[in-house]
Amino acid sequence: ERARQVAPAIIFFDEIDSIAPRRGMDASSQVTERVVNSMLAEMDGLEDLHDVVVLAATNRPDLIDPALLRPGRFDRIIATSLPDKKTRLEIFKIHTKSMPLTKNVSLETLADKTEHFNGADIQGLCREAALHALRLDINAKEVTMKDFEKILEKIAPSVKESEIKRYKEIEEAYIRTARAAQVTKPSYMG
């Protein structure tokens, strides 16, 4: 209602799976079902959402109520994948920009060694490498490749291989569903 009043407006739901899970999954409380029903009513309501864009983000698309993904509600599903090598290199450049590095630090090599790392993982790696240098010598003025390598021995990407596979399967299922919806549009003409 407020978004309609101040339009143009954008409504953004972060972690939408926490407020709009599949109905019927939780028998103990009907509060979540009422929230989902209210969202559906607002998005489909008698009043059009002129100049109001509704966006949502989740890392658990499999938990979202499927009714929210039907045409006219959240029309587009955009899956973001883990960064490729080129993108990881750019992320390393951002997080080491103000970090004094020795000449032997190869950001390209680090980008190679961090497959399946997301941006937050790379940021944490850079921070931990700097802390490692300081732990070895509180007066350290530079971070070395050995600092990065030592931390890489201890940490792993936060997204597991099994999760990557599951997300890919979910994405493919949504793509198939979207294609089927496009193909099976009813004809209202004779």
N, C-alpha and C. Protein backbone atom coordinates (compact mmCIF):
# COMPACT_ATOMS: atom_id res chain seq x y z
N GLU A 1 0.83 -1.19 0.00
CA GLU A 1 0.00 0.00 0.00
C GLU A 1 0.88 1.25 0.00
N ARG A 2 1.89 1.23 0.85
CA ARG A 2 2.80 2.40 0.94
C ARG A 2 3.56 2.58 -0.37
N ALA A 3 4.00 1.50 -0.98
CA ALA A 3 4.73 1.58 -2.25
C ALA A 3 3.86 2.18 -3.34
N ARG A 4 2.58 1.81 -3.37
CA ARG A 4 1.67 2.39 -4.36
C ARG A 4 1.53 3.89 -4.15
N GLN A 5 1.51 4.32 -2.90
CA GLN A 5 1.33 5.74 -2.58
C GLN A 5 2.52 6.58 -3.03
N VAL A 6 3.72 6.02 -2.92
CA VAL A 6 4.93 6.79 -3.21
C VAL A 6 5.57 6.42 -4.55
N ALA A 7 4.85 5.62 -5.35
CA ALA A 7 5.40 5.14 -6.62
C ALA A 7 5.94 6.31 -7.44
N PRO A 8 7.05 6.08 -8.17
CA PRO A 8 7.71 4.80 -8.41
C PRO A 8 8.47 4.32 -7.16
N ALA A 9 8.45 3.01 -6.96
CA ALA A 9 9.07 2.42 -5.78
C ALA A 9 9.57 1.02 -6.09
N ILE A 10 10.53 0.60 -5.28
CA ILE A 10 11.06 -0.76 -5.36
C ILE A 10 10.89 -1.37 -3.98
N ILE A 11 10.31 -2.58 -3.94
CA ILE A 11 10.21 -3.34 -2.70
C ILE A 11 11.19 -4.49 -2.84
N PHE A 12 12.09 -4.62 -1.86
CA PHE A 12 13.09 -5.68 -1.92
C PHE A 12 12.97 -6.56 -0.69
N PHE A 13 12.77 -7.86 -0.92
CA PHE A 13 12.73 -8.85 0.15
C PHE A 13 14.03 -9.63 0.11
N ASP A 14 14.84 -9.51 1.16
CA ASP A 14 16.05 -10.31 1.26
C ASP A 14 15.70 -11.57 2.04
N GLU A 15 16.25 -12.70 1.63
CA GLU A 15 15.95 -13.98 2.25
C GLU A 15 14.45 -14.25 2.27
N ILE A 16 13.83 -14.12 1.10
CA ILE A 16 12.37 -14.28 1.00
C ILE A 16 11.91 -15.65 1.45
N ASP A 17 12.77 -16.65 1.38
CA ASP A 17 12.38 -17.99 1.82
C ASP A 17 12.01 -18.02 3.31
N SER A 18 12.51 -17.04 4.08
CA SER A 18 12.20 -17.04 5.51
C SER A 18 10.80 -16.48 5.79
N ILE A 19 10.26 -15.67 4.88
CA ILE A 19 8.93 -15.12 5.11
C ILE A 19 7.88 -15.68 4.15
N ALA A 20 8.32 -16.36 3.12
CA ALA A 20 7.37 -16.93 2.15
C ALA A 20 7.74 -18.35 1.77
N PRO A 21 7.82 -19.24 2.78
CA PRO A 21 8.15 -20.63 2.45
C PRO A 21 6.95 -21.35 1.84
N ARG A 22 7.21 -22.53 1.32
CA ARG A 22 6.13 -23.34 0.74
C ARG A 22 5.04 -23.54 1.79
N ARG A 23 3.83 -23.28 1.38
CA ARG A 23 2.70 -23.49 2.29
C ARG A 23 2.51 -24.98 2.55
N GLY A 24 2.08 -25.30 3.76
CA GLY A 24 1.85 -26.68 4.13
C GLY A 24 3.06 -27.39 4.70
N MET A 25 4.22 -26.73 4.71
CA MET A 25 5.42 -27.38 5.23
C MET A 25 5.46 -27.36 6.75
N ASP A 26 4.86 -26.34 7.36
CA ASP A 26 4.92 -26.18 8.80
C ASP A 26 3.51 -26.29 9.36
N ALA A 27 3.20 -27.42 9.96
CA ALA A 27 1.85 -27.67 10.46
C ALA A 27 1.58 -26.94 11.78
N SER A 28 2.63 -26.51 12.47
CA SER A 28 2.44 -25.92 13.78
C SER A 28 1.94 -24.48 13.75
N SER A 29 2.14 -23.78 12.66
CA SER A 29 1.74 -22.38 12.62
C SER A 29 1.21 -22.02 11.25
N GLN A 30 0.11 -21.28 11.25
CA GLN A 30 -0.45 -20.83 9.98
C GLN A 30 -0.06 -19.39 9.69
N VAL A 31 0.81 -18.83 10.51
CA VAL A 31 1.24 -17.45 10.31
C VAL A 31 1.95 -17.31 8.97
N THR A 32 2.86 -18.22 8.67
CA THR A 32 3.60 -18.11 7.40
C THR A 32 2.65 -18.27 6.21
N GLU A 33 1.65 -19.13 6.33
CA GLU A 33 0.69 -19.27 5.24
C GLU A 33 -0.08 -17.98 5.02
N ARG A 34 -0.43 -17.30 6.10
CA ARG A 34 -1.13 -16.02 5.97
C ARG A 34 -0.24 -14.97 5.33
N VAL A 35 1.06 -14.99 5.67
CA VAL A 35 2.00 -14.04 5.06
C VAL A 35 2.08 -14.29 3.55
N VAL A 36 2.24 -15.55 3.17
CA VAL A 36 2.31 -15.89 1.74
C VAL A 36 1.02 -15.50 1.04
N ASN A 37 -0.11 -15.83 1.64
CA ASN A 37 -1.41 -15.48 1.04
C ASN A 37 -1.55 -13.97 0.89
N SER A 38 -1.11 -13.21 1.89
CA SER A 38 -1.17 -11.74 1.81
C SER A 38 -0.28 -11.21 0.69
N MET A 39 0.92 -11.78 0.58
CA MET A 39 1.82 -11.35 -0.49
C MET A 39 1.21 -11.63 -1.86
N LEU A 40 0.64 -12.82 -2.01
CA LEU A 40 0.02 -13.18 -3.28
C LEU A 40 -1.14 -12.24 -3.60
N ALA A 41 -1.94 -11.93 -2.60
CA ALA A 41 -3.08 -11.03 -2.81
C ALA A 41 -2.62 -9.64 -3.21
N GLU A 42 -1.57 -9.16 -2.58
CA GLU A 42 -1.05 -7.83 -2.92
C GLU A 42 -0.44 -7.80 -4.32
N MET A 43 0.27 -8.87 -4.67
CA MET A 43 0.91 -8.90 -5.98
C MET A 43 -0.10 -9.12 -7.10
N ASP A 44 -1.19 -9.83 -6.80
CA ASP A 44 -2.24 -10.10 -7.78
C ASP A 44 -3.42 -9.17 -7.64
N GLY A 45 -3.38 -8.36 -6.61
CA GLY A 45 -4.56 -7.62 -6.18
C GLY A 45 -5.33 -6.89 -7.26
N LEU A 46 -6.48 -6.38 -6.86
CA LEU A 46 -7.34 -5.64 -7.78
C LEU A 46 -6.66 -4.37 -8.26
N GLU A 47 -5.83 -3.80 -7.39
CA GLU A 47 -5.08 -2.60 -7.78
C GLU A 47 -3.77 -3.04 -8.43
N ASP A 48 -3.52 -2.53 -9.62
CA ASP A 48 -2.26 -2.86 -10.28
C ASP A 48 -1.10 -2.20 -9.57
N LEU A 49 0.05 -2.85 -9.66
CA LEU A 49 1.27 -2.30 -9.07
C LEU A 49 1.96 -1.41 -10.11
N HIS A 50 1.32 -0.29 -10.46
CA HIS A 50 1.91 0.63 -11.42
C HIS A 50 3.14 1.27 -10.81
N ASP A 51 4.25 1.21 -11.53
CA ASP A 51 5.51 1.82 -11.10
C ASP A 51 6.02 1.29 -9.77
N VAL A 52 5.64 0.06 -9.43
CA VAL A 52 6.17 -0.61 -8.24
C VAL A 52 6.83 -1.90 -8.71
N VAL A 53 8.10 -2.04 -8.40
CA VAL A 53 8.85 -3.24 -8.77
C VAL A 53 9.12 -4.02 -7.49
N VAL A 54 8.81 -5.31 -7.54
CA VAL A 54 9.04 -6.17 -6.38
C VAL A 54 10.19 -7.12 -6.72
N LEU A 55 11.24 -7.07 -5.90
CA LEU A 55 12.42 -7.92 -6.07
C LEU A 55 12.60 -8.76 -4.81
N ALA A 56 13.20 -9.92 -4.97
CA ALA A 56 13.47 -10.77 -3.82
C ALA A 56 14.76 -11.55 -4.07
N ALA A 57 15.43 -11.89 -2.99
CA ALA A 57 16.66 -12.67 -3.08
C ALA A 57 16.59 -13.83 -2.10
N THR A 58 17.22 -14.92 -2.48
CA THR A 58 17.29 -16.09 -1.62
C THR A 58 18.47 -16.95 -2.04
N ASN A 59 18.97 -17.70 -1.10
CA ASN A 59 19.94 -18.73 -1.47
C ASN A 59 19.31 -20.11 -1.30
N ARG A 60 17.99 -20.13 -1.08
CA ARG A 60 17.23 -21.37 -0.96
C ARG A 60 15.97 -21.30 -1.81
N PRO A 61 16.10 -21.22 -3.13
CA PRO A 61 14.92 -21.11 -3.99
C PRO A 61 13.99 -22.31 -3.90
N ASP A 62 14.50 -23.44 -3.48
CA ASP A 62 13.68 -24.63 -3.36
C ASP A 62 12.67 -24.54 -2.22
N LEU A 63 12.85 -23.58 -1.31
CA LEU A 63 11.93 -23.43 -0.18
C LEU A 63 10.83 -22.41 -0.42
N ILE A 64 10.91 -21.64 -1.51
CA ILE A 64 9.93 -20.59 -1.78
C ILE A 64 8.63 -21.21 -2.28
N ASP A 65 7.52 -20.65 -1.83
CA ASP A 65 6.22 -21.14 -2.30
C ASP A 65 6.14 -20.97 -3.82
N PRO A 66 5.83 -22.04 -4.54
CA PRO A 66 5.81 -21.98 -6.01
C PRO A 66 4.82 -20.96 -6.58
N ALA A 67 3.78 -20.65 -5.83
CA ALA A 67 2.79 -19.69 -6.32
C ALA A 67 3.42 -18.31 -6.54
N LEU A 68 4.46 -18.00 -5.80
CA LEU A 68 5.13 -16.70 -5.98
C LEU A 68 5.88 -16.62 -7.30
N LEU A 69 6.17 -17.76 -7.89
CA LEU A 69 6.98 -17.78 -9.11
C LEU A 69 6.14 -17.86 -10.38
N ARG A 70 4.83 -17.85 -10.24
CA ARG A 70 3.97 -17.89 -11.42
C ARG A 70 3.99 -16.56 -12.14
N PRO A 71 3.69 -16.55 -13.43
CA PRO A 71 3.68 -15.30 -14.21
C PRO A 71 2.81 -14.24 -13.56
N GLY A 72 3.31 -13.01 -13.59
CA GLY A 72 2.59 -11.89 -13.02
C GLY A 72 3.03 -11.57 -11.60
N ARG A 73 3.83 -12.43 -11.02
CA ARG A 73 4.33 -12.18 -9.66
C ARG A 73 5.82 -11.89 -9.79
N PHE A 74 6.65 -12.86 -9.50
CA PHE A 74 8.07 -12.70 -9.78
C PHE A 74 8.29 -13.29 -11.16
N ASP A 75 8.30 -12.44 -12.16
CA ASP A 75 8.33 -12.89 -13.54
C ASP A 75 9.67 -13.45 -13.98
N ARG A 76 10.73 -12.96 -13.40
CA ARG A 76 12.06 -13.39 -13.83
C ARG A 76 12.82 -14.00 -12.67
N ILE A 77 13.51 -15.06 -12.98
CA ILE A 77 14.39 -15.69 -12.01
C ILE A 77 15.80 -15.53 -12.55
N ILE A 78 16.64 -14.91 -11.76
CA ILE A 78 18.02 -14.67 -12.17
C ILE A 78 18.92 -15.42 -11.20
N ALA A 79 19.60 -16.42 -11.70
CA ALA A 79 20.51 -17.19 -10.86
C ALA A 79 21.91 -16.60 -10.98
N THR A 80 22.52 -16.37 -9.85
CA THR A 80 23.89 -15.88 -9.86
C THR A 80 24.80 -17.04 -9.49
N SER A 81 25.78 -17.26 -10.31
CA SER A 81 26.68 -18.38 -10.06
C SER A 81 27.92 -17.88 -9.33
N LEU A 82 28.74 -18.81 -8.95
CA LEU A 82 30.01 -18.46 -8.32
C LEU A 82 30.89 -17.74 -9.34
N PRO A 83 31.76 -16.86 -8.86
CA PRO A 83 32.60 -16.12 -9.80
C PRO A 83 33.58 -17.02 -10.55
N ASP A 84 33.77 -16.71 -11.84
CA ASP A 84 34.76 -17.44 -12.63
C ASP A 84 36.15 -16.87 -12.31
N LYS A 85 37.17 -17.41 -12.95
CA LYS A 85 38.55 -17.01 -12.64
C LYS A 85 38.76 -15.51 -12.85
N LYS A 86 38.27 -14.99 -13.95
CA LYS A 86 38.45 -13.57 -14.25
C LYS A 86 37.78 -12.70 -13.17
N THR A 87 36.59 -13.10 -12.76
CA THR A 87 35.88 -12.35 -11.74
C THR A 87 36.58 -12.47 -10.39
N ARG A 88 37.07 -13.67 -10.06
CA ARG A 88 37.81 -13.84 -8.80
C ARG A 88 39.05 -12.95 -8.79
N LEU A 89 39.73 -12.84 -9.92
CA LEU A 89 40.89 -11.97 -10.02
C LEU A 89 40.51 -10.53 -9.70
N GLU A 90 39.39 -10.07 -10.25
CA GLU A 90 38.93 -8.71 -9.98
C GLU A 90 38.57 -8.52 -8.51
N ILE A 91 37.99 -9.55 -7.91
CA ILE A 91 37.65 -9.48 -6.48
C ILE A 91 38.94 -9.39 -5.66
N PHE A 92 39.95 -10.17 -6.02
CA PHE A 92 41.25 -10.08 -5.34
C PHE A 92 41.83 -8.68 -5.47
N LYS A 93 41.73 -8.09 -6.64
CA LYS A 93 42.26 -6.73 -6.85
C LYS A 93 41.56 -5.73 -5.93
N ILE A 94 40.26 -5.89 -5.77
CA ILE A 94 39.50 -4.98 -4.90
C ILE A 94 39.97 -5.12 -3.45
N HIS A 95 40.10 -6.36 -2.98
CA HIS A 95 40.39 -6.59 -1.57
C HIS A 95 41.87 -6.48 -1.22
N THR A 96 42.73 -6.34 -2.22
CA THR A 96 44.15 -6.14 -1.93
C THR A 96 44.63 -4.76 -2.37
N LYS A 97 43.70 -3.94 -2.83
CA LYS A 97 44.05 -2.61 -3.36
C LYS A 97 44.87 -1.80 -2.36
N SER A 98 44.47 -1.78 -1.12
CA SER A 98 45.20 -0.98 -0.13
C SER A 98 46.09 -1.85 0.75
N MET A 99 46.32 -3.08 0.32
CA MET A 99 47.15 -4.02 1.08
C MET A 99 48.57 -4.02 0.51
N PRO A 100 49.56 -3.80 1.34
CA PRO A 100 50.94 -3.85 0.83
C PRO A 100 51.36 -5.30 0.57
N LEU A 101 51.54 -5.63 -0.71
CA LEU A 101 51.89 -6.99 -1.11
C LEU A 101 53.34 -7.04 -1.57
N THR A 102 53.99 -8.17 -1.30
CA THR A 102 55.34 -8.35 -1.85
C THR A 102 55.21 -8.64 -3.34
N LYS A 103 56.32 -8.51 -4.06
CA LYS A 103 56.30 -8.70 -5.51
C LYS A 103 55.98 -10.14 -5.89
N ASN A 104 56.18 -11.08 -4.97
CA ASN A 104 55.93 -12.48 -5.33
C ASN A 104 54.45 -12.86 -5.22
N VAL A 105 53.58 -11.97 -4.78
CA VAL A 105 52.15 -12.28 -4.68
C VAL A 105 51.55 -12.21 -6.09
N SER A 106 51.04 -13.34 -6.53
CA SER A 106 50.42 -13.42 -7.85
C SER A 106 48.91 -13.58 -7.66
N LEU A 107 48.20 -12.51 -7.95
CA LEU A 107 46.74 -12.56 -7.82
C LEU A 107 46.15 -13.54 -8.83
N GLU A 108 46.80 -13.69 -9.99
CA GLU A 108 46.34 -14.66 -10.98
C GLU A 108 46.41 -16.08 -10.42
N THR A 109 47.52 -16.40 -9.75
CA THR A 109 47.68 -17.72 -9.15
C THR A 109 46.63 -17.93 -8.07
N LEU A 110 46.39 -16.90 -7.26
CA LEU A 110 45.37 -17.01 -6.22
C LEU A 110 43.98 -17.21 -6.84
N ALA A 111 43.71 -16.53 -7.93
CA ALA A 111 42.42 -16.72 -8.62
C ALA A 111 42.29 -18.16 -9.11
N ASP A 112 43.39 -18.74 -9.58
CA ASP A 112 43.40 -20.14 -10.02
C ASP A 112 43.10 -21.09 -8.86
N LYS A 113 43.67 -20.79 -7.70
CA LYS A 113 43.58 -21.70 -6.56
C LYS A 113 42.27 -21.56 -5.78
N THR A 114 41.42 -20.64 -6.16
CA THR A 114 40.22 -20.38 -5.36
C THR A 114 38.92 -20.70 -6.11
N GLU A 115 38.97 -21.74 -6.93
CA GLU A 115 37.74 -22.16 -7.61
C GLU A 115 36.69 -22.51 -6.57
N HIS A 116 35.45 -22.14 -6.82
CA HIS A 116 34.30 -22.33 -5.93
C HIS A 116 34.28 -21.36 -4.74
N PHE A 117 35.21 -20.42 -4.69
CA PHE A 117 35.17 -19.38 -3.66
C PHE A 117 34.21 -18.29 -4.12
N ASN A 118 33.41 -17.78 -3.22
CA ASN A 118 32.58 -16.63 -3.55
C ASN A 118 33.30 -15.35 -3.11
N GLY A 119 32.69 -14.21 -3.35
CA GLY A 119 33.33 -12.94 -3.01
C GLY A 119 33.67 -12.82 -1.54
N ALA A 120 32.76 -13.27 -0.68
CA ALA A 120 33.00 -13.19 0.77
C ALA A 120 34.16 -14.11 1.18
N ASP A 121 34.26 -15.28 0.54
CA ASP A 121 35.36 -16.19 0.83
C ASP A 121 36.70 -15.54 0.48
N ILE A 122 36.75 -14.87 -0.67
CA ILE A 122 37.99 -14.22 -1.10
C ILE A 122 38.33 -13.06 -0.18
N GLN A 123 37.33 -12.30 0.21
CA GLN A 123 37.56 -11.20 1.16
C GLN A 123 38.15 -11.75 2.46
N GLY A 124 37.57 -12.85 2.96
CA GLY A 124 38.07 -13.45 4.19
C GLY A 124 39.49 -13.96 4.04
N LEU A 125 39.80 -14.55 2.89
CA LEU A 125 41.15 -15.03 2.62
C LEU A 125 42.15 -13.88 2.68
N CYS A 126 41.82 -12.77 2.05
CA CYS A 126 42.72 -11.60 2.04
C CYS A 126 42.93 -11.07 3.46
N ARG A 127 41.84 -10.96 4.21
CA ARG A 127 41.93 -10.46 5.59
C ARG A 127 42.78 -11.39 6.45
N GLU A 128 42.53 -12.71 6.33
CA GLU A 128 43.28 -13.68 7.12
C GLU A 128 44.76 -13.72 6.74
N ALA A 129 45.06 -13.55 5.46
CA ALA A 129 46.47 -13.52 5.03
C ALA A 129 47.18 -12.32 5.67
N ALA A 130 46.53 -11.18 5.71
CA ALA A 130 47.12 -9.99 6.33
C ALA A 130 47.33 -10.23 7.83
N LEU A 131 46.34 -10.85 8.48
CA LEU A 131 46.48 -11.15 9.91
C LEU A 131 47.59 -12.16 10.15
N HIS A 132 47.72 -13.12 9.24
CA HIS A 132 48.79 -14.12 9.36
C HIS A 132 50.16 -13.44 9.32
N ALA A 133 50.32 -12.49 8.40
CA ALA A 133 51.59 -11.76 8.31
C ALA A 133 51.88 -11.04 9.62
N LEU A 134 50.85 -10.44 10.21
CA LEU A 134 51.04 -9.72 11.47
C LEU A 134 51.29 -10.67 12.65
N ARG A 135 50.70 -11.86 12.62
CA ARG A 135 50.94 -12.82 13.70
C ARG A 135 52.40 -13.29 13.68
N LEU A 136 52.96 -13.42 12.47
CA LEU A 136 54.36 -13.84 12.37
C LEU A 136 55.30 -12.73 12.80
N ASP A 137 54.93 -11.50 12.46
CA ASP A 137 55.77 -10.34 12.81
C ASP A 137 54.85 -9.13 12.95
N ILE A 138 54.68 -8.69 14.17
CA ILE A 138 53.77 -7.58 14.44
C ILE A 138 54.19 -6.31 13.69
N ASN A 139 55.42 -6.23 13.29
CA ASN A 139 55.92 -5.07 12.53
C ASN A 139 55.94 -5.32 11.02
N ALA A 140 55.30 -6.37 10.57
CA ALA A 140 55.30 -6.69 9.14
C ALA A 140 54.72 -5.52 8.35
N LYS A 141 55.37 -5.24 7.24
CA LYS A 141 54.94 -4.13 6.38
C LYS A 141 54.30 -4.62 5.09
N GLU A 142 54.43 -5.95 4.80
CA GLU A 142 53.89 -6.49 3.56
C GLU A 142 53.29 -7.88 3.81
N VAL A 143 52.39 -8.24 2.92
CA VAL A 143 51.79 -9.57 2.95
C VAL A 143 52.42 -10.36 1.80
N THR A 144 52.84 -11.58 2.09
CA THR A 144 53.54 -12.39 1.10
C THR A 144 52.64 -13.48 0.52
N MET A 145 53.12 -14.10 -0.53
CA MET A 145 52.40 -15.22 -1.13
C MET A 145 52.31 -16.37 -0.13
N LYS A 146 53.36 -16.54 0.70
CA LYS A 146 53.35 -17.59 1.72
C LYS A 146 52.20 -17.38 2.71
N ASP A 147 51.90 -16.12 3.03
CA ASP A 147 50.78 -15.83 3.93
C ASP A 147 49.47 -16.31 3.30
N PHE A 148 49.28 -16.01 2.03
CA PHE A 148 48.06 -16.47 1.34
C PHE A 148 48.01 -17.99 1.29
N GLU A 149 49.15 -18.61 0.94
CA GLU A 149 49.19 -20.07 0.81
C GLU A 149 48.93 -20.76 2.14
N LYS A 150 49.46 -20.21 3.23
CA LYS A 150 49.24 -20.79 4.55
C LYS A 150 47.75 -20.76 4.91
N ILE A 151 47.09 -19.66 4.60
CA ILE A 151 45.66 -19.55 4.90
C ILE A 151 44.85 -20.47 3.98
N LEU A 152 45.26 -20.59 2.71
CA LEU A 152 44.56 -21.49 1.79
C LEU A 152 44.62 -22.94 2.25
N GLU A 153 45.66 -23.31 3.01
CA GLU A 153 45.74 -24.67 3.56
C GLU A 153 44.67 -24.90 4.62
N LYS A 154 44.24 -23.82 5.27
CA LYS A 154 43.32 -23.93 6.41
C LYS A 154 41.85 -23.71 6.06
N ILE A 155 41.58 -23.01 4.97
CA ILE A 155 40.19 -22.67 4.68
C ILE A 155 39.73 -23.35 3.39
N ALA A 156 38.43 -23.44 3.25
CA ALA A 156 37.82 -24.02 2.06
C ALA A 156 36.68 -23.10 1.63
N PRO A 157 36.23 -23.25 0.41
CA PRO A 157 35.09 -22.43 -0.03
C PRO A 157 33.87 -22.71 0.84
N SER A 158 33.06 -21.68 1.05
CA SER A 158 31.87 -21.85 1.90
C SER A 158 30.75 -22.60 1.18
N VAL A 159 30.79 -22.62 -0.14
CA VAL A 159 29.78 -23.35 -0.92
C VAL A 159 30.37 -24.71 -1.29
N LYS A 160 29.72 -25.75 -0.80
CA LYS A 160 30.19 -27.12 -1.04
C LYS A 160 29.80 -27.60 -2.43
N GLU A 161 30.54 -28.58 -2.93
CA GLU A 161 30.31 -29.14 -4.26
C GLU A 161 28.87 -29.68 -4.39
N SER A 162 28.39 -30.30 -3.33
CA SER A 162 27.02 -30.85 -3.35
C SER A 162 25.99 -29.72 -3.47
N GLU A 163 26.25 -28.57 -2.82
CA GLU A 163 25.34 -27.44 -2.92
C GLU A 163 25.34 -26.85 -4.33
N ILE A 164 26.50 -26.79 -4.95
CA ILE A 164 26.60 -26.28 -6.32
C ILE A 164 25.76 -27.15 -7.24
N LYS A 165 25.86 -28.47 -7.08
CA LYS A 165 25.09 -29.40 -7.90
C LYS A 165 23.59 -29.21 -7.65
N ARG A 166 23.20 -29.07 -6.38
CA ARG A 166 21.78 -28.90 -6.05
C ARG A 166 21.23 -27.61 -6.64
N TYR A 167 22.00 -26.51 -6.55
CA TYR A 167 21.56 -25.23 -7.11
C TYR A 167 21.40 -25.34 -8.63
N LYS A 168 22.30 -26.06 -9.27
CA LYS A 168 22.21 -26.24 -10.71
C LYS A 168 20.94 -27.00 -11.08
N GLU A 169 20.62 -28.03 -10.31
CA GLU A 169 19.40 -28.80 -10.56
C GLU A 169 18.16 -27.93 -10.36
N ILE A 170 18.16 -27.11 -9.32
CA ILE A 170 17.02 -26.21 -9.07
C ILE A 170 16.87 -25.22 -10.22
N GLU A 171 17.99 -24.65 -10.64
CA GLU A 171 17.96 -23.69 -11.75
C GLU A 171 17.39 -24.33 -13.02
N GLU A 172 17.84 -25.54 -13.32
CA GLU A 172 17.35 -26.23 -14.51
C GLU A 172 15.86 -26.54 -14.39
N ALA A 173 15.40 -26.88 -13.19
CA ALA A 173 13.97 -27.15 -12.98
C ALA A 173 13.15 -25.88 -13.21
N TYR A 174 13.64 -24.74 -12.73
CA TYR A 174 12.92 -23.47 -12.93
C TYR A 174 12.90 -23.09 -14.41
N ILE A 175 13.99 -23.35 -15.10
CA ILE A 175 14.04 -23.04 -16.53
C ILE A 175 13.02 -23.90 -17.28
N ARG A 176 12.96 -25.20 -16.95
CA ARG A 176 11.98 -26.10 -17.59
C ARG A 176 10.55 -25.63 -17.30
N THR A 177 10.30 -25.24 -16.06
CA THR A 177 8.96 -24.77 -15.68
C THR A 177 8.60 -23.50 -16.44
N ALA A 178 9.56 -22.59 -16.55
CA ALA A 178 9.31 -21.33 -17.27
C ALA A 178 9.03 -21.60 -18.74
N ARG A 179 9.78 -22.50 -19.35
CA ARG A 179 9.54 -22.85 -20.76
C ARG A 179 8.18 -23.49 -20.94
N ALA A 180 7.82 -24.38 -20.02
CA ALA A 180 6.52 -25.05 -20.11
C ALA A 180 5.39 -24.04 -19.99
N ALA A 181 5.55 -23.06 -19.12
CA ALA A 181 4.52 -22.03 -18.95
C ALA A 181 4.37 -21.22 -20.23
N GLN A 182 5.48 -20.96 -20.91
CA GLN A 182 5.42 -20.20 -22.16
C GLN A 182 4.75 -21.01 -23.25
N VAL A 183 5.01 -22.29 -23.29
CA VAL A 183 4.49 -23.15 -24.34
C VAL A 183 3.00 -23.42 -24.14
N THR A 184 2.55 -23.52 -22.90
CA THR A 184 1.17 -23.93 -22.66
C THR A 184 0.25 -22.75 -22.39
N LYS A 185 0.54 -21.60 -22.94
CA LYS A 185 -0.35 -20.45 -22.78
C LYS A 185 -1.67 -20.74 -23.48
N PRO A 186 -2.77 -20.54 -22.79
CA PRO A 186 -4.06 -20.82 -23.43
C PRO A 186 -4.38 -19.79 -24.51
N SER A 187 -5.10 -20.24 -25.49
CA SER A 187 -5.53 -19.34 -26.56
C SER A 187 -6.99 -18.96 -26.31
N TYR A 188 -7.25 -17.68 -26.24
CA TYR A 188 -8.60 -17.22 -25.99
C TYR A 188 -9.31 -16.84 -27.29
N MET A 189 -8.63 -17.02 -28.38
CA MET A 189 -9.20 -16.69 -29.70
C MET A 189 -9.73 -17.98 -30.34
N GLY A 190 -11.04 -18.01 -30.63
CA GLY A 190 -11.72 -19.08 -31.33
C GLY A 190 -10.99 -20.32 -31.30
